[in-house]
């Protein structure tokens, strides 16, 4: 149960990180 909670938490963080990464790359492309 605890392991499942940690796994879900990591997946949520990965989702946010990937969104931030995509946004960062799009802004870089927009600048150059």
PDB file of N, CA and C in Angstrom:
ATOM      1  N   UNK A   1       0.850  -1.201   0.000  1.00  0.00           N
ATOM      2  CA  UNK A   1       0.000   0.000   0.000  1.00  0.00           C
ATOM      3  C   UNK A   1       0.881   1.244   0.000  1.00  0.00           C
ATOM      4  N   UNK A   2       1.836   1.274   0.905  1.00  0.00           N
ATOM      5  CA  UNK A   2       2.735   2.428   0.981  1.00  0.00           C
ATOM      6  C   UNK A   2       3.573   2.538  -0.288  1.00  0.00           C
ATOM      7  N   UNK A   3       4.017   1.392  -0.786  1.00  0.00           N
ATOM      8  CA  UNK A   3       4.818   1.385  -2.011  1.00  0.00           C
ATOM      9  C   UNK A   3       3.993   1.888  -3.196  1.00  0.00           C
ATOM     10  N   UNK A   4       2.745   1.479  -3.227  1.00  0.00           N
ATOM     11  CA  UNK A   4       1.859   1.921  -4.311  1.00  0.00           C
ATOM     12  C   UNK A   4       1.670   3.437  -4.247  1.00  0.00           C
ATOM     13  N   UNK A   5       1.540   3.982  -3.036  1.00  0.00           N
ATOM     14  CA  UNK A   5       1.383   5.428  -2.864  1.00  0.00           C
ATOM     15  C   UNK A   5       2.625   6.162  -3.370  1.00  0.00           C
ATOM     16  N   UNK A   6       3.798   5.651  -3.048  1.00  0.00           N
ATOM     17  CA  UNK A   6       5.047   6.278  -3.500  1.00  0.00           C
ATOM     18  C   UNK A   6       5.149   6.209  -5.024  1.00  0.00           C
ATOM     19  N   UNK A   7       4.766   5.058  -5.571  1.00  0.00           N
ATOM     20  CA  UNK A   7       4.833   4.898  -7.023  1.00  0.00           C
ATOM     21  C   UNK A   7       3.932   5.911  -7.721  1.00  0.00           C
ATOM     22  N   UNK A   8       2.729   6.086  -7.192  1.00  0.00           N
ATOM     23  CA  UNK A   8       1.802   7.051  -7.786  1.00  0.00           C
ATOM     24  C   UNK A   8       2.355   8.467  -7.650  1.00  0.00           C
ATOM     25  N   UNK A   9       2.960   8.767  -6.528  1.00  0.00           N
ATOM     26  CA  UNK A   9       3.537  10.087  -6.307  1.00  0.00           C
ATOM     27  C   UNK A   9       4.649  10.360  -7.317  1.00  0.00           C
ATOM     28  N   UNK A  10       5.483   9.370  -7.566  1.00  0.00           N
ATOM     29  CA  UNK A  10       6.574   9.519  -8.535  1.00  0.00           C
ATOM     30  C   UNK A  10       6.010   9.717  -9.937  1.00  0.00           C
ATOM     31  N   UNK A  11       4.965   8.995 -10.269  1.00  0.00           N
ATOM     32  CA  UNK A  11       4.358   9.147 -11.594  1.00  0.00           C
ATOM     33  C   UNK A  11       3.788  10.550 -11.765  1.00  0.00           C
ATOM     34  N   UNK A  12       3.157  11.081 -10.728  1.00  0.00           N
ATOM     35  CA  UNK A  12       2.619  12.441 -10.804  1.00  0.00           C
ATOM     36  C   UNK A  12       3.743  13.446 -11.000  1.00  0.00           C
ATOM     37  N   UNK A  13       4.841  13.261 -10.288  1.00  0.00           N
ATOM     38  CA  UNK A  13       5.971  14.173 -10.435  1.00  0.00           C
ATOM     39  C   UNK A  13       6.559  14.087 -11.837  1.00  0.00           C
ATOM     40  N   UNK A  14       6.639  12.876 -12.368  1.00  0.00           N
ATOM     41  CA  UNK A  14       7.168  12.706 -13.723  1.00  0.00           C
ATOM     42  C   UNK A  14       6.289  13.440 -14.725  1.00  0.00           C
ATOM     43  N   UNK A  15       4.994  13.390 -14.511  1.00  0.00           N
ATOM     44  CA  UNK A  15       4.080  14.077 -15.415  1.00  0.00           C
ATOM     45  C   UNK A  15       4.335  15.583 -15.376  1.00  0.00           C
ATOM     46  N   UNK A  16       4.443  16.145 -14.180  1.00  0.00           N
ATOM     47  CA  UNK A  16       4.698  17.580 -14.048  1.00  0.00           C
ATOM     48  C   UNK A  16       6.051  17.952 -14.644  1.00  0.00           C
ATOM     49  N   UNK A  17       7.054  17.121 -14.403  1.00  0.00           N
ATOM     50  CA  UNK A  17       8.393  17.406 -14.930  1.00  0.00           C
ATOM     51  C   UNK A  17       8.381  17.372 -16.454  1.00  0.00           C
ATOM     52  N   UNK A  18       7.685  16.402 -17.022  1.00  0.00           N
ATOM     53  CA  UNK A  18       7.634  16.309 -18.486  1.00  0.00           C
ATOM     54  C   UNK A  18       6.903  17.520 -19.070  1.00  0.00           C
ATOM     55  N   UNK A  19       5.823  17.962 -18.412  1.00  0.00           N
ATOM     56  CA  UNK A  19       5.115  19.147 -18.885  1.00  0.00           C
ATOM     57  C   UNK A  19       6.018  20.374 -18.835  1.00  0.00           C
ATOM     58  N   UNK A  20       6.746  20.520 -17.748  1.00  0.00           N
ATOM     59  CA  UNK A  20       7.657  21.648 -17.601  1.00  0.00           C
ATOM     60  C   UNK A  20       8.756  21.589 -18.658  1.00  0.00           C
ATOM     61  N   UNK A  21       9.258  20.373 -18.916  1.00  0.00           N
ATOM     62  CA  UNK A  21      10.323  20.191 -19.905  1.00  0.00           C
ATOM     63  C   UNK A  21       9.832  20.565 -21.302  1.00  0.00           C
ATOM     64  N   UNK A  22       8.624  20.136 -21.643  1.00  0.00           N
ATOM     65  CA  UNK A  22       8.046  20.462 -22.956  1.00  0.00           C
ATOM     66  C   UNK A  22       7.838  21.974 -23.073  1.00  0.00           C
ATOM     67  N   UNK A  23       7.336  22.583 -22.030  1.00  0.00           N
ATOM     68  CA  UNK A  23       7.120  24.028 -22.032  1.00  0.00           C
ATOM     69  C   UNK A  23       8.446  24.768 -22.210  1.00  0.00           C
ATOM     70  N   UNK A  24       9.493  24.282 -21.534  1.00  0.00           N
ATOM     71  CA  UNK A  24      10.815  24.894 -21.619  1.00  0.00           C
ATOM     72  C   UNK A  24      11.362  24.805 -23.043  1.00  0.00           C
ATOM     73  N   UNK A  25      11.225  23.654 -23.665  1.00  0.00           N
ATOM     74  CA  UNK A  25      11.725  23.471 -25.042  1.00  0.00           C
ATOM     75  C   UNK A  25      10.919  24.327 -26.024  1.00  0.00           C
ATOM     76  N   UNK A  26       9.631  24.403 -25.817  1.00  0.00           N
ATOM     77  CA  UNK A  26       8.808  25.226 -26.709  1.00  0.00           C
ATOM     78  C   UNK A  26       9.190  26.699 -26.585  1.00  0.00           C
ATOM     79  N   UNK A  27       9.459  27.152 -25.391  1.00  0.00           N
ATOM     80  CA  UNK A  27       9.855  28.552 -25.206  1.00  0.00           C
ATOM     81  C   UNK A  27      11.218  28.808 -25.847  1.00  0.00           C
ATOM     82  N   UNK A  28      12.122  27.824 -25.764  1.00  0.00           N
ATOM     83  CA  UNK A  28      13.429  27.979 -26.406  1.00  0.00           C
ATOM     84  C   UNK A  28      13.271  28.064 -27.921  1.00  0.00           C
ATOM     85  N   UNK A  29      12.431  27.222 -28.470  1.00  0.00           N
ATOM     86  CA  UNK A  29      12.195  27.255 -29.916  1.00  0.00           C
ATOM     87  C   UNK A  29      11.584  28.599 -30.304  1.00  0.00           C
ATOM     88  N   UNK A  30      10.722  29.114 -29.479  1.00  0.00           N
ATOM     89  CA  UNK A  30      10.065  30.386 -29.773  1.00  0.00           C
ATOM     90  C   UNK A  30      11.086  31.523 -29.762  1.00  0.00           C
ATOM     91  N   UNK A  31      12.054  31.460 -28.853  1.00  0.00           N
ATOM     92  CA  UNK A  31      13.082  32.502 -28.771  1.00  0.00           C
ATOM     93  C   UNK A  31      14.009  32.431 -29.987  1.00  0.00           C
ATOM     94  N   UNK A  32      14.424  31.230 -30.362  1.00  0.00           N
ATOM     95  CA  UNK A  32      15.341  31.078 -31.509  1.00  0.00           C
ATOM     96  C   UNK A  32      14.564  30.638 -32.750  1.00  0.00           C
TER      97      UNK A  32
END
